[in-house]
PDB file of N, CA and C in Angstrom:
ATOM      1  N   MET A   1      99.171  98.785 114.497  1.00  0.00           N
ATOM      2  CA  MET A   1      98.694  99.603 113.276  1.00  0.00           C
ATOM      3  C   MET A   1      97.178  99.318 113.035  1.00  0.00           C
ATOM      4  N   TYR A   2      96.959  97.842 113.180  1.00  0.00           N
ATOM      5  CA  TYR A   2      95.453  97.279 112.799  1.00  0.00           C
ATOM      6  C   TYR A   2      94.706  97.909 113.932  1.00  0.00           C
ATOM      7  N   THR A   3      94.782  97.386 115.099  1.00  0.00           N
ATOM      8  CA  THR A   3      93.869  97.980 116.155  1.00  0.00           C
ATOM      9  C   THR A   3      93.899  99.533 116.347  1.00  0.00           C
ATOM     10  N   GLY A   4      94.938  99.906 116.459  1.00  0.00           N
ATOM     11  CA  GLY A   4      95.001 101.378 116.578  1.00  0.00           C
ATOM     12  C   GLY A   4      94.185 102.259 115.513  1.00  0.00           C
ATOM     13  N   ASN A   5      94.213 101.713 114.172  1.00  0.00           N
ATOM     14  CA  ASN A   5      93.706 102.452 113.247  1.00  0.00           C
ATOM     15  C   ASN A   5      92.022 102.318 113.527  1.00  0.00           C
ATOM     16  N   ALA A   6      91.535 101.205 113.834  1.00  0.00           N
ATOM     17  CA  ALA A   6      90.081 100.982 114.451  1.00  0.00           C
ATOM     18  C   ALA A   6      89.838 101.960 115.530  1.00  0.00           C
ATOM     19  N   PHE A   7      90.515 101.812 116.374  1.00  0.00           N
ATOM     20  CA  PHE A   7      90.265 102.879 117.609  1.00  0.00           C
ATOM     21  C   PHE A   7      90.313 104.336 117.131  1.00  0.00           C
ATOM     22  N   ILE A   8      91.373 104.516 116.740  1.00  0.00           N
ATOM     23  CA  ILE A   8      91.190 106.139 116.242  1.00  0.00           C
ATOM     24  C   ILE A   8      90.055 106.533 115.256  1.00  0.00           C
ATOM     25  N   SER A   9      89.829 105.689 114.520  1.00  0.00           N
ATOM     26  CA  SER A   9      88.561 105.835 113.698  1.00  0.00           C
ATOM     27  C   SER A   9      87.303 105.997 114.421  1.00  0.00           C
ATOM     28  N   GLN A  10      86.996 105.803 115.461  1.00  0.00           N
ATOM     29  CA  GLN A  10      85.935 105.690 116.298  1.00  0.00           C
ATOM     30  C   GLN A  10      85.948 107.099 117.067  1.00  0.00           C
ATOM     31  N   GLN A  11      87.080 107.642 117.095  1.00  0.00           N
ATOM     32  CA  GLN A  11      87.135 108.730 117.957  1.00  0.00           C
ATOM     33  C   GLN A  11      86.817 110.332 117.337  1.00  0.00           C
ATOM     34  N   PHE A  12      86.629 110.358 116.156  1.00  0.00           N
ATOM     35  CA  PHE A  12      86.399 111.557 115.341  1.00  0.00           C
ATOM     36  C   PHE A  12      85.642 111.469 114.228  1.00  0.00           C
ATOM     37  N   THR A  13      84.701 112.485 113.915  1.00  0.00           N
ATOM     38  CA  THR A  13      83.852 112.612 112.954  1.00  0.00           C
ATOM     39  C   THR A  13      84.377 113.748 111.977  1.00  0.00           C
ATOM     40  N   MET A  14      84.398 113.518 110.781  1.00  0.00           N
ATOM     41  CA  MET A  14      84.897 114.820 109.802  1.00  0.00           C
ATOM     42  C   MET A  14      83.641 114.974 108.808  1.00  0.00           C
ATOM     43  N   ASP A  15      83.241 116.255 108.463  1.00  0.00           N
ATOM     44  CA  ASP A  15      82.355 116.546 107.525  1.00  0.00           C
ATOM     45  C   ASP A  15      82.855 116.235 106.229  1.00  0.00           C
ATOM     46  N   PHE A  16      82.093 116.245 105.218  1.00  0.00           N
ATOM     47  CA  PHE A  16      82.244 115.631 103.999  1.00  0.00           C
ATOM     48  C   PHE A  16      83.334 116.671 103.243  1.00  0.00           C
ATOM     49  N   LYS A  17      83.339 117.786 103.422  1.00  0.00           N
ATOM     50  CA  LYS A  17      84.367 118.943 103.074  1.00  0.00           C
ATOM     51  C   LYS A  17      85.590 118.607 103.571  1.00  0.00           C
ATOM     52  N   TYR A  18      85.713 118.386 104.830  1.00  0.00           N
ATOM     53  CA  TYR A  18      87.233 118.024 105.604  1.00  0.00           C
ATOM     54  C   TYR A  18      87.679 116.697 105.165  1.00  0.00           C
ATOM     55  N   LYS A  19      86.919 115.577 104.850  1.00  0.00           N
ATOM     56  CA  LYS A  19      87.125 114.337 104.458  1.00  0.00           C
ATOM     57  C   LYS A  19      87.537 114.184 102.950  1.00  0.00           C
ATOM     58  N   ILE A  20      87.261 115.278 101.961  1.00  0.00           N
ATOM     59  CA  ILE A  20      87.574 115.343 100.879  1.00  0.00           C
ATOM     60  C   ILE A  20      89.228 116.335 100.970  1.00  0.00           C
ATOM     61  N   ILE A  21      89.123 117.134 101.668  1.00  0.00           N
ATOM     62  CA  ILE A  21      90.576 117.707 102.022  1.00  0.00           C
ATOM     63  C   ILE A  21      91.590 116.800 102.247  1.00  0.00           C
ATOM     64  N   CYS A  22      91.238 116.094 103.265  1.00  0.00           N
ATOM     65  CA  CYS A  22      92.310 115.259 103.900  1.00  0.00           C
ATOM     66  C   CYS A  22      92.616 114.255 102.791  1.00  0.00           C
ATOM     67  N   ALA A  23      91.467 113.634 102.037  1.00  0.00           N
ATOM     68  CA  ALA A  23      91.859 112.515 100.982  1.00  0.00           C
ATOM     69  C   ALA A  23      92.856 113.269  99.769  1.00  0.00           C
ATOM     70  N   ILE A  24      92.618 114.586  99.624  1.00  0.00           N
ATOM     71  CA  ILE A  24      93.429 115.082  98.662  1.00  0.00           C
ATOM     72  C   ILE A  24      94.882 115.181  99.269  1.00  0.00           C
ATOM     73  N   LEU A  25      95.019 115.658 100.419  1.00  0.00           N
ATOM     74  CA  LEU A  25      96.336 115.825 100.994  1.00  0.00           C
ATOM     75  C   LEU A  25      96.706 114.628 100.902  1.00  0.00           C
ATOM     76  N   LEU A  26      96.324 113.632 101.460  1.00  0.00           N
ATOM     77  CA  LEU A  26      96.792 112.031 101.473  1.00  0.00           C
ATOM     78  C   LEU A  26      97.264 111.444 100.064  1.00  0.00           C
ATOM     79  N   TRP A  27      96.367 112.043  99.191  1.00  0.00           N
ATOM     80  CA  TRP A  27      96.695 111.606  97.655  1.00  0.00           C
ATOM     81  C   TRP A  27      97.959 112.157  97.151  1.00  0.00           C
ATOM     82  N   VAL A  28      98.026 113.272  97.425  1.00  0.00           N
ATOM     83  CA  VAL A  28      99.378 114.184  97.178  1.00  0.00           C
ATOM     84  C   VAL A  28     100.612 113.306  97.995  1.00  0.00           C
ATOM     85  N   PHE A  29     100.453 113.151  99.055  1.00  0.00           N
ATOM     86  CA  PHE A  29     101.480 112.584  99.803  1.00  0.00           C
ATOM     87  C   PHE A  29     101.782 111.133  99.315  1.00  0.00           C
ATOM     88  N   ALA A  30     100.882 110.286  99.255  1.00  0.00           N
ATOM     89  CA  ALA A  30     100.803 108.822  98.692  1.00  0.00           C
ATOM     90  C   ALA A  30     101.512 108.959  97.432  1.00  0.00           C
ATOM     91  N   VAL A  31     101.189 109.755  96.400  1.00  0.00           N
ATOM     92  CA  VAL A  31     101.494 109.776  95.062  1.00  0.00           C
ATOM     93  C   VAL A  31     103.108 110.127  94.974  1.00  0.00           C
ATOM     94  N   ILE A  32     103.572 111.147  96.002  1.00  0.00           N
ATOM     95  CA  ILE A  32     105.022 111.277  95.995  1.00  0.00           C
ATOM     96  C   ILE A  32     105.602 110.084  96.739  1.00  0.00           C
ATOM     97  N   MET A  33     104.954 109.517  97.721  1.00  0.00           N
ATOM     98  CA  MET A  33     106.202 108.486  98.179  1.00  0.00           C
ATOM     99  C   MET A  33     106.028 107.209  97.570  1.00  0.00           C
ATOM    100  N   ILE A  34     104.954 106.895  96.617  1.00  0.00           N
ATOM    101  CA  ILE A  34     104.742 105.769  95.456  1.00  0.00           C
ATOM    102  C   ILE A  34     105.646 106.121  94.221  1.00  0.00           C
ATOM    103  N   HIS A  35     105.962 107.355  94.135  1.00  0.00           N
ATOM    104  CA  HIS A  35     107.093 107.769  93.283  1.00  0.00           C
ATOM    105  C   HIS A  35     108.418 107.401  93.682  1.00  0.00           C
ATOM    106  N   ILE A  36     108.696 107.537  94.985  1.00  0.00           N
ATOM    107  CA  ILE A  36     110.064 107.367  95.445  1.00  0.00           C
ATOM    108  C   ILE A  36     110.410 105.995  95.499  1.00  0.00           C
ATOM    109  N   TYR A  37     109.354 105.650  96.422  1.00  0.00           N
ATOM    110  CA  TYR A  37     109.564 104.145  97.242  1.00  0.00           C
ATOM    111  C   TYR A  37     108.867 103.028  96.520  1.00  0.00           C
ATOM    112  N   ALA A  38     107.989 103.074  95.788  1.00  0.00           N
ATOM    113  CA  ALA A  38     107.249 102.057  95.191  1.00  0.00           C
ATOM    114  C   ALA A  38     107.851 101.124  94.068  1.00  0.00           C
ATOM    115  N   PRO A  39     107.874  99.853  93.773  1.00  0.00           N
ATOM    116  CA  PRO A  39     107.284  99.032  94.917  1.00  0.00           C
ATOM    117  C   PRO A  39     107.958  98.469  95.957  1.00  0.00           C
ATOM    118  N   ALA A  40     107.465  98.350  97.199  1.00  0.00           N
ATOM    119  CA  ALA A  40     108.301  98.240  98.598  1.00  0.00           C
ATOM    120  C   ALA A  40     108.426  96.797  98.352  1.00  0.00           C
ATOM    121  N   ASP A  41     109.806  96.459  98.067  1.00  0.00           N
ATOM    122  CA  ASP A  41     110.120  95.074  98.384  1.00  0.00           C
ATOM    123  C   ASP A  41     110.939  94.604  99.295  1.00  0.00           C
ATOM    124  N   THR A  42     111.352  93.439  99.576  1.00  0.00           N
ATOM    125  CA  THR A  42     112.240  93.310 100.906  1.00  0.00           C
ATOM    126  C   THR A  42     113.400  92.256 100.113  1.00  0.00           C
ATOM    127  N   GLU A  43     114.243  91.955 101.114  1.00  0.00           N
ATOM    128  CA  GLU A  43     115.464  91.325 100.396  1.00  0.00           C
ATOM    129  C   GLU A  43     114.926  89.868 100.056  1.00  0.00           C
ATOM    130  N   ASP A  44     114.200  89.402 101.034  1.00  0.00           N
ATOM    131  CA  ASP A  44     113.724  88.014 100.550  1.00  0.00           C
ATOM    132  C   ASP A  44     112.668  87.842  99.367  1.00  0.00           C
ATOM    133  N   VAL A  45     112.299  88.988  99.064  1.00  0.00           N
ATOM    134  CA  VAL A  45     111.142  88.938  97.694  1.00  0.00           C
ATOM    135  C   VAL A  45     111.463  90.108  96.838  1.00  0.00           C
ATOM    136  N   PRO A  46     112.526  90.291  96.700  1.00  0.00           N
ATOM    137  CA  PRO A  46     112.888  91.615  95.723  1.00  0.00           C
ATOM    138  C   PRO A  46     112.013  91.584  94.143  1.00  0.00           C
ATOM    139  N   VAL A  47     111.877  92.513  93.847  1.00  0.00           N
ATOM    140  CA  VAL A  47     111.233  92.776  92.672  1.00  0.00           C
ATOM    141  C   VAL A  47     112.240  93.312  91.263  1.00  0.00           C
ATOM    142  N   ILE A  48     112.934  92.411  90.883  1.00  0.00           N
ATOM    143  CA  ILE A  48     113.860  93.047  90.043  1.00  0.00           C
ATOM    144  C   ILE A  48     113.742  93.147  88.556  1.00  0.00           C
ATOM    145  N   SER A  49     112.636  92.894  87.906  1.00  0.00           N
ATOM    146  CA  SER A  49     112.401  93.102  86.588  1.00  0.00           C
ATOM    147  C   SER A  49     111.793  94.363  86.502  1.00  0.00           C
ATOM    148  N   LYS A  50     112.430  95.199  85.584  1.00  0.00           N
ATOM    149  CA  LYS A  50     112.131  96.899  85.573  1.00  0.00           C
ATOM    150  C   LYS A  50     110.433  96.776  84.923  1.00  0.00           C
ATOM    151  N   LYS A  51     110.180  95.907  84.237  1.00  0.00           N
ATOM    152  CA  LYS A  51     108.895  95.866  83.612  1.00  0.00           C
ATOM    153  C   LYS A  51     107.927  95.716  84.861  1.00  0.00           C
ATOM    154  N   GLU A  52     108.239  94.700  85.706  1.00  0.00           N
ATOM    155  CA  GLU A  52     106.987  94.446  86.561  1.00  0.00           C
ATOM    156  C   GLU A  52     107.441  95.411  87.863  1.00  0.00           C
ATOM    157  N   ARG A  53     108.496  96.424  87.848  1.00  0.00           N
ATOM    158  CA  ARG A  53     108.709  97.498  89.217  1.00  0.00           C
ATOM    159  C   ARG A  53     107.597  98.288  88.554  1.00  0.00           C
ATOM    160  N   LYS A  54     107.737  98.864  87.005  1.00  0.00           N
ATOM    161  CA  LYS A  54     106.732  99.857  86.742  1.00  0.00           C
ATOM    162  C   LYS A  54     105.381  99.319  86.951  1.00  0.00           C
ATOM    163  N   LYS A  55     104.996  98.207  86.342  1.00  0.00           N
ATOM    164  CA  LYS A  55     103.699  97.769  86.566  1.00  0.00           C
ATOM    165  C   LYS A  55     103.213  97.914  87.959  1.00  0.00           C
ATOM    166  N   ARG A  56     103.926  97.517  88.792  1.00  0.00           N
ATOM    167  CA  ARG A  56     103.519  97.498  90.273  1.00  0.00           C
ATOM    168  C   ARG A  56     103.163  98.865  90.587  1.00  0.00           C
ATOM    169  N   LYS A  57     104.169 100.050  90.501  1.00  0.00           N
ATOM    170  CA  LYS A  57     104.034 101.205  90.668  1.00  0.00           C
ATOM    171  C   LYS A  57     102.810 101.865  90.145  1.00  0.00           C
ATOM    172  N   ASN A  58     102.461 101.696  88.603  1.00  0.00           N
ATOM    173  CA  ASN A  58     101.323 101.974  88.387  1.00  0.00           C
ATOM    174  C   ASN A  58     100.271 101.740  88.958  1.00  0.00           C
ATOM    175  N   PHE A  59     100.144 100.222  89.309  1.00  0.00           N
ATOM    176  CA  PHE A  59      99.040  99.858  90.166  1.00  0.00           C
ATOM    177  C   PHE A  59      98.847 100.363  91.594  1.00  0.00           C
ATOM    178  N   SER A  60     100.106 100.826  92.005  1.00  0.00           N
ATOM    179  CA  SER A  60      99.859 101.333  93.387  1.00  0.00           C
ATOM    180  C   SER A  60      99.147 102.782  92.919  1.00  0.00           C
ATOM    181  N   TYR A  61      99.384 103.472  91.984  1.00  0.00           N
ATOM    182  CA  TYR A  61      98.851 104.837  91.907  1.00  0.00           C
ATOM    183  C   TYR A  61      97.485 104.670  91.919  1.00  0.00           C
ATOM    184  N   VAL A  62      96.751 103.734  91.087  1.00  0.00           N
ATOM    185  CA  VAL A  62      95.359 103.265  90.778  1.00  0.00           C
ATOM    186  C   VAL A  62      94.752 102.822  92.172  1.00  0.00           C
ATOM    187  N   ILE A  63      95.338 102.010  92.861  1.00  0.00           N
ATOM    188  CA  ILE A  63      94.769 101.566  94.024  1.00  0.00           C
ATOM    189  C   ILE A  63      94.699 102.676  95.144  1.00  0.00           C
ATOM    190  N   VAL A  64      95.571 103.560  95.134  1.00  0.00           N
ATOM    191  CA  VAL A  64      95.401 104.356  96.156  1.00  0.00           C
ATOM    192  C   VAL A  64      94.416 105.465  95.628  1.00  0.00           C
ATOM    193  N   THR A  65      94.067 105.972  94.519  1.00  0.00           N
ATOM    194  CA  THR A  65      93.261 106.788  94.167  1.00  0.00           C
ATOM    195  C   THR A  65      91.828 105.995  94.331  1.00  0.00           C
ATOM    196  N   ILE A  66      91.739 104.770  94.287  1.00  0.00           N
ATOM    197  CA  ILE A  66      90.241 104.219  94.421  1.00  0.00           C
ATOM    198  C   ILE A  66      89.960 104.246  95.837  1.00  0.00           C
ATOM    199  N   MET A  67      90.975 103.711  96.567  1.00  0.00           N
ATOM    200  CA  MET A  67      90.836 103.841  98.191  1.00  0.00           C
ATOM    201  C   MET A  67      90.428 105.105  98.402  1.00  0.00           C
ATOM    202  N   LEU A  68      91.153 105.980  98.044  1.00  0.00           N
ATOM    203  CA  LEU A  68      90.803 107.440  98.903  1.00  0.00           C
ATOM    204  C   LEU A  68      89.232 107.790  98.034  1.00  0.00           C
ATOM    205  N   ILE A  69      88.989 107.484  97.204  1.00  0.00           N
ATOM    206  CA  ILE A  69      87.546 107.715  96.712  1.00  0.00           C
ATOM    207  C   ILE A  69      86.645 107.108  97.322  1.00  0.00           C
ATOM    208  N   VAL A  70      86.583 105.699  97.518  1.00  0.00           N
ATOM    209  CA  VAL A  70      85.883 105.275  98.260  1.00  0.00           C
ATOM    210  C   VAL A  70      85.683 105.484  99.689  1.00  0.00           C
ATOM    211  N   GLY A  71      86.821 105.954 100.508  1.00  0.00           N
ATOM    212  CA  GLY A  71      87.013 106.418 101.496  1.00  0.00           C
ATOM    213  C   GLY A  71      86.115 107.895 101.684  1.00  0.00           C
ATOM    214  N   CYS A  72      86.024 108.285 100.943  1.00  0.00           N
ATOM    215  CA  CYS A  72      85.415 109.743 100.846  1.00  0.00           C
ATOM    216  C   CYS A  72      83.808 109.138 100.443  1.00  0.00           C
ATOM    217  N   LEU A  73      83.467 108.460  99.817  1.00  0.00           N
ATOM    218  CA  LEU A  73      82.037 108.024  99.544  1.00  0.00           C
ATOM    219  C   LEU A  73      81.346 106.829 100.575  1.00  0.00           C
ATOM    220  N   VAL A  74      82.084 106.510 101.390  1.00  0.00           N
ATOM    221  CA  VAL A  74      81.231 105.426 102.365  1.00  0.00           C
ATOM    222  C   VAL A  74      80.686 106.465 102.990  1.00  0.00           C
ATOM    223  N   LYS A  75      79.431 106.215 103.568  1.00  0.00           N
ATOM    224  CA  LYS A  75      78.520 107.096 104.483  1.00  0.00           C
ATOM    225  C   LYS A  75      79.127 106.455 105.845  1.00  0.00           C
ATOM    226  N   ASN A  76      79.336 105.388 106.221  1.00  0.00           N
ATOM    227  CA  ASN A  76      79.760 104.953 107.667  1.00  0.00           C
ATOM    228  C   ASN A  76      81.119 105.803 107.916  1.00  0.00           C
ATOM    229  N   ASN A  77      81.114 106.614 108.902  1.00  0.00           N
ATOM    230  CA  ASN A  77      82.235 107.496 109.270  1.00  0.00           C
ATOM    231  C   ASN A  77      83.510 106.527 109.825  1.00  0.00           C
ATOM    232  N   ILE A  78      83.110 105.805 110.653  1.00  0.00           N
ATOM    233  CA  ILE A  78      83.945 104.819 111.014  1.00  0.00           C
ATOM    234  C   ILE A  78      84.677 104.100 109.996  1.00  0.00           C
ATOM    235  N   ILE A  79      84.054 103.523 109.178  1.00  0.00           N
ATOM    236  CA  ILE A  79      84.526 102.778 108.004  1.00  0.00           C
ATOM    237  C   ILE A  79      85.394 103.656 106.978  1.00  0.00           C
ATOM    238  N   SER A  80      84.948 104.851 106.721  1.00  0.00           N
ATOM    239  CA  SER A  80      85.677 105.783 105.804  1.00  0.00           C
ATOM    240  C   SER A  80      86.633 106.151 106.590  1.00  0.00           C
ATOM    241  N   ASN A  81      86.749 106.590 108.187  1.00  0.00           N
ATOM    242  CA  ASN A  81      87.831 107.102 108.716  1.00  0.00           C
ATOM    243  C   ASN A  81      88.863 106.108 108.668  1.00  0.00           C
ATOM    244  N   MET A  82      88.594 104.591 108.642  1.00  0.00           N
ATOM    245  CA  MET A  82      89.435 103.539 108.841  1.00  0.00           C
ATOM    246  C   MET A  82      90.169 103.273 107.536  1.00  0.00           C
ATOM    247  N   ILE A  83      89.502 103.679 106.161  1.00  0.00           N
ATOM    248  CA  ILE A  83      89.941 103.312 104.963  1.00  0.00           C
ATOM    249  C   ILE A  83      90.972 104.838 104.731  1.00  0.00           C
ATOM    250  N   LEU A  84      90.773 106.023 105.140  1.00  0.00           N
ATOM    251  CA  LEU A  84      91.742 106.935 105.058  1.00  0.00           C
ATOM    252  C   LEU A  84      92.831 106.812 106.081  1.00  0.00           C
ATOM    253  N   ILE A  85      92.736 106.356 107.231  1.00  0.00           N
ATOM    254  CA  ILE A  85      93.926 106.149 107.799  1.00  0.00           C
ATOM    255  C   ILE A  85      94.705 105.051 107.342  1.00  0.00           C
ATOM    256  N   GLY A  86      94.301 104.037 106.915  1.00  0.00           N
ATOM    257  CA  GLY A  86      94.654 103.089 106.328  1.00  0.00           C
ATOM    258  C   GLY A  86      95.458 103.195 105.061  1.00  0.00           C
ATOM    259  N   VAL A  87      95.265 104.206 104.481  1.00  0.00           N
ATOM    260  CA  VAL A  87      96.058 104.895 103.431  1.00  0.00           C
ATOM    261  C   VAL A  87      97.088 105.412 103.758  1.00  0.00           C
ATOM    262  N   LEU A  88      96.915 106.257 104.911  1.00  0.00           N
ATOM    263  CA  LEU A  88      98.172 106.943 105.173  1.00  0.00           C
ATOM    264  C   LEU A  88      99.166 105.870 105.824  1.00  0.00           C
ATOM    265  N   LEU A  89      98.747 104.894 106.594  1.00  0.00           N
ATOM    266  CA  LEU A  89      99.703 103.776 107.311  1.00  0.00           C
ATOM    267  C   LEU A  89     100.327 103.242 106.286  1.00  0.00           C
ATOM    268  N   GLN A  90      99.561 102.767 105.164  1.00  0.00           N
ATOM    269  CA  GLN A  90     100.216 102.003 104.424  1.00  0.00           C
ATOM    270  C   GLN A  90     101.450 102.806 103.573  1.00  0.00           C
ATOM    271  N   THR A  91     100.991 104.273 103.424  1.00  0.00           N
ATOM    272  CA  THR A  91     101.879 105.203 102.525  1.00  0.00           C
ATOM    273  C   THR A  91     103.336 105.169 103.383  1.00  0.00           C
ATOM    274  N   ILE A  92     102.903 105.227 104.773  1.00  0.00           N
ATOM    275  CA  ILE A  92     104.138 105.352 105.456  1.00  0.00           C
ATOM    276  C   ILE A  92     104.932 104.239 105.707  1.00  0.00           C
ATOM    277  N   SER A  93     104.323 103.028 105.577  1.00  0.00           N
ATOM    278  CA  SER A  93     105.113 101.881 105.553  1.00  0.00           C
ATOM    279  C   SER A  93     105.982 101.340 104.337  1.00  0.00           C
ATOM    280  N   ILE A  94     106.033 102.026 103.563  1.00  0.00           N
ATOM    281  CA  ILE A  94     106.946 101.837 102.328  1.00  0.00           C
ATOM    282  C   ILE A  94     108.182 102.859 102.217  1.00  0.00           C
ATOM    283  N   THR A  95     108.099 103.727 103.299  1.00  0.00           N
ATOM    284  CA  THR A  95     109.276 104.823 103.496  1.00  0.00           C
ATOM    285  C   THR A  95     110.455 104.296 104.259  1.00  0.00           C
ATOM    286  N   ARG A  96     111.553 104.798 104.071  1.00  0.00           N
ATOM    287  CA  ARG A  96     113.012 104.291 104.531  1.00  0.00           C
ATOM    288  C   ARG A  96     112.789 104.290 106.033  1.00  0.00           C
ATOM    289  N   PHE A  97     112.104 105.244 106.757  1.00  0.00           N
ATOM    290  CA  PHE A  97     111.705 105.363 108.151  1.00  0.00           C
ATOM    291  C   PHE A  97     111.256 103.895 108.391  1.00  0.00           C
ATOM    292  N   ALA A  98     110.436 103.472 107.896  1.00  0.00           N
ATOM    293  CA  ALA A  98     109.545 102.521 108.218  1.00  0.00           C
ATOM    294  C   ALA A  98     110.477 101.060 108.056  1.00  0.00           C
ATOM    295  N   TYR A  99     111.223 101.036 106.994  1.00  0.00           N
ATOM    296  CA  TYR A  99     112.244  99.989 106.817  1.00  0.00           C
ATOM    297  C   TYR A  99     113.107  99.823 107.775  1.00  0.00           C
ATOM    298  N   LYS A 100     113.376 100.939 108.249  1.00  0.00           N
ATOM    299  CA  LYS A 100     114.890 101.119 109.215  1.00  0.00           C
ATOM    300  C   LYS A 100     113.957 100.591 110.675  1.00  0.00           C
ATOM    301  N   LEU A 101     112.882 101.095 110.758  1.00  0.00           N
ATOM    302  CA  LEU A 101     112.328 100.858 112.035  1.00  0.00           C
ATOM    303  C   LEU A 101     111.924  99.075 112.076  1.00  0.00           C
ATOM    304  N   THR A 102     111.692  98.643 111.240  1.00  0.00           N
ATOM    305  CA  THR A 102     111.487  97.243 111.154  1.00  0.00           C
ATOM    306  C   THR A 102     112.569  96.396 110.844  1.00  0.00           C
ATOM    307  N   ASN A 103     113.817  96.893 110.724  1.00  0.00           N
ATOM    308  CA  ASN A 103     115.154  96.230 110.269  1.00  0.00           C
ATOM    309  C   ASN A 103     115.130  95.707 108.931  1.00  0.00           C
ATOM    310  N   ASN A 104     114.310  96.078 107.841  1.00  0.00           N
ATOM    311  CA  ASN A 104     114.629  95.581 106.551  1.00  0.00           C
ATOM    312  C   ASN A 104     115.035  96.442 105.638  1.00  0.00           C
ATOM    313  N   LYS A 105     115.512  95.849 104.607  1.00  0.00           N
ATOM    314  CA  LYS A 105     116.233  96.402 103.632  1.00  0.00           C
ATOM    315  C   LYS A 105     115.334  96.341 101.982  1.00  0.00           C
ATOM    316  N   TYR A 106     115.445  97.409 101.246  1.00  0.00           N
ATOM    317  CA  TYR A 106     114.768  97.132 100.093  1.00  0.00           C
ATOM    318  C   TYR A 106     115.551  96.043  99.129  1.00  0.00           C
ATOM    319  N   GLY A 107     114.518  95.055  98.983  1.00  0.00           N
ATOM    320  CA  GLY A 107     115.361  94.210  97.958  1.00  0.00           C
ATOM    321  C   GLY A 107     116.087  94.342  96.568  1.00  0.00           C
ATOM    322  N   TYR A 108     115.460  95.395  95.896  1.00  0.00           N
ATOM    323  CA  TYR A 108     115.997  95.740  94.560  1.00  0.00           C
ATOM    324  C   TYR A 108     117.316  96.495  94.774  1.00  0.00           C
ATOM    325  N   GLU A 109     117.385  97.529  95.732  1.00  0.00           N
ATOM    326  CA  GLU A 109     118.682  97.978  96.038  1.00  0.00           C
ATOM    327  C   GLU A 109     119.765  96.896  96.584  1.00  0.00           C
ATOM    328  N   GLU A 110     119.247  96.052  97.353  1.00  0.00           N
ATOM    329  CA  GLU A 110     120.353  94.778  97.728  1.00  0.00           C
ATOM    330  C   GLU A 110     120.769  94.315  96.666  1.00  0.00           C
ATOM    331  N   TYR A 111     119.596  93.926  95.535  1.00  0.00           N
ATOM    332  CA  TYR A 111     120.190  93.060  94.323  1.00  0.00           C
ATOM    333  C   TYR A 111     121.201  94.164  93.346  1.00  0.00           C
ATOM    334  N   LEU A 112     120.882  95.240  93.476  1.00  0.00           N
ATOM    335  CA  LEU A 112     121.653  96.248  92.556  1.00  0.00           C
ATOM    336  C   LEU A 112     123.144  96.137  93.397  1.00  0.00           C
ATOM    337  N   LYS A 113     123.153  96.249  94.511  1.00  0.00           N
ATOM    338  CA  LYS A 113     124.400  96.277  95.274  1.00  0.00           C
ATOM    339  C   LYS A 113     125.504  94.862  94.898  1.00  0.00           C
ATOM    340  N   SER A 114     124.290  93.986  95.094  1.00  0.00           N
ATOM    341  CA  SER A 114     125.348  92.287  94.825  1.00  0.00           C
ATOM    342  C   SER A 114     125.540  92.469  93.284  1.00  0.00           C
ATOM    343  N   GLU A 115     125.054  93.060  92.429  1.00  0.00           N
ATOM    344  CA  GLU A 115     125.286  92.995  90.914  1.00  0.00           C
ATOM    345  C   GLU A 115     126.475  93.708  90.964  1.00  0.00           C
ATOM    346  N   ASN A 116     126.393  94.747  91.555  1.00  0.00           N
ATOM    347  CA  ASN A 116     127.886  95.734  91.239  1.00  0.00           C
ATOM    348  C   ASN A 116     129.090  95.335  91.878  1.00  0.00           C
ATOM    349  N   ALA A 117     128.725  94.467  93.062  1.00  0.00           N
ATOM    350  CA  ALA A 117     130.022  93.679  93.678  1.00  0.00           C
ATOM    351  C   ALA A 117     130.285  92.655  92.825  1.00  0.00           C
ATOM    352  N   VAL A 118     129.712  91.912  92.111  1.00  0.00           N
ATOM    353  CA  VAL A 118     129.951  90.950  91.160  1.00  0.00           C
ATOM    354  C   VAL A 118     130.839  91.347  90.181  1.00  0.00           C
ATOM    355  N   VAL A 119     130.445  92.456  89.767  1.00  0.00           N
ATOM    356  CA  VAL A 119     131.056  93.136  88.329  1.00  0.00           C
ATOM    357  C   VAL A 119     132.365  93.655  88.702  1.00  0.00           C
ATOM    358  N   ASN A 120     132.476  94.249  90.073  1.00  0.00           N
ATOM    359  CA  ASN A 120     133.677  94.841  90.475  1.00  0.00           C
ATOM    360  C   ASN A 120     134.562  93.764  90.705  1.00  0.00           C
TER     361      ASN A 120
END
């Protein structure tokens, strides 16, 4: 993911208007994925507190928005591309597909399952 991002970023140039369009589409995709999956935790480090989960989710919205704005404003095309592609990869990494691919489980969901098993 890391070296691939750098390699891909060197391979193409986008005009500013296409960069804005990509950033807007990425922002919509990221907001939807954050709403569904964030915060992305694991069994080893679950985020249990609802207050902490909400705080991290809101922080994720802010960070992705700032990263996409910076990605559009940076003049260096390679760095700009790296930021935009990085946001895409980070967003994909919180999805169920990525968790299955890496053989991880969502910590909060596992915690809820174990709580329900104890109650029953």
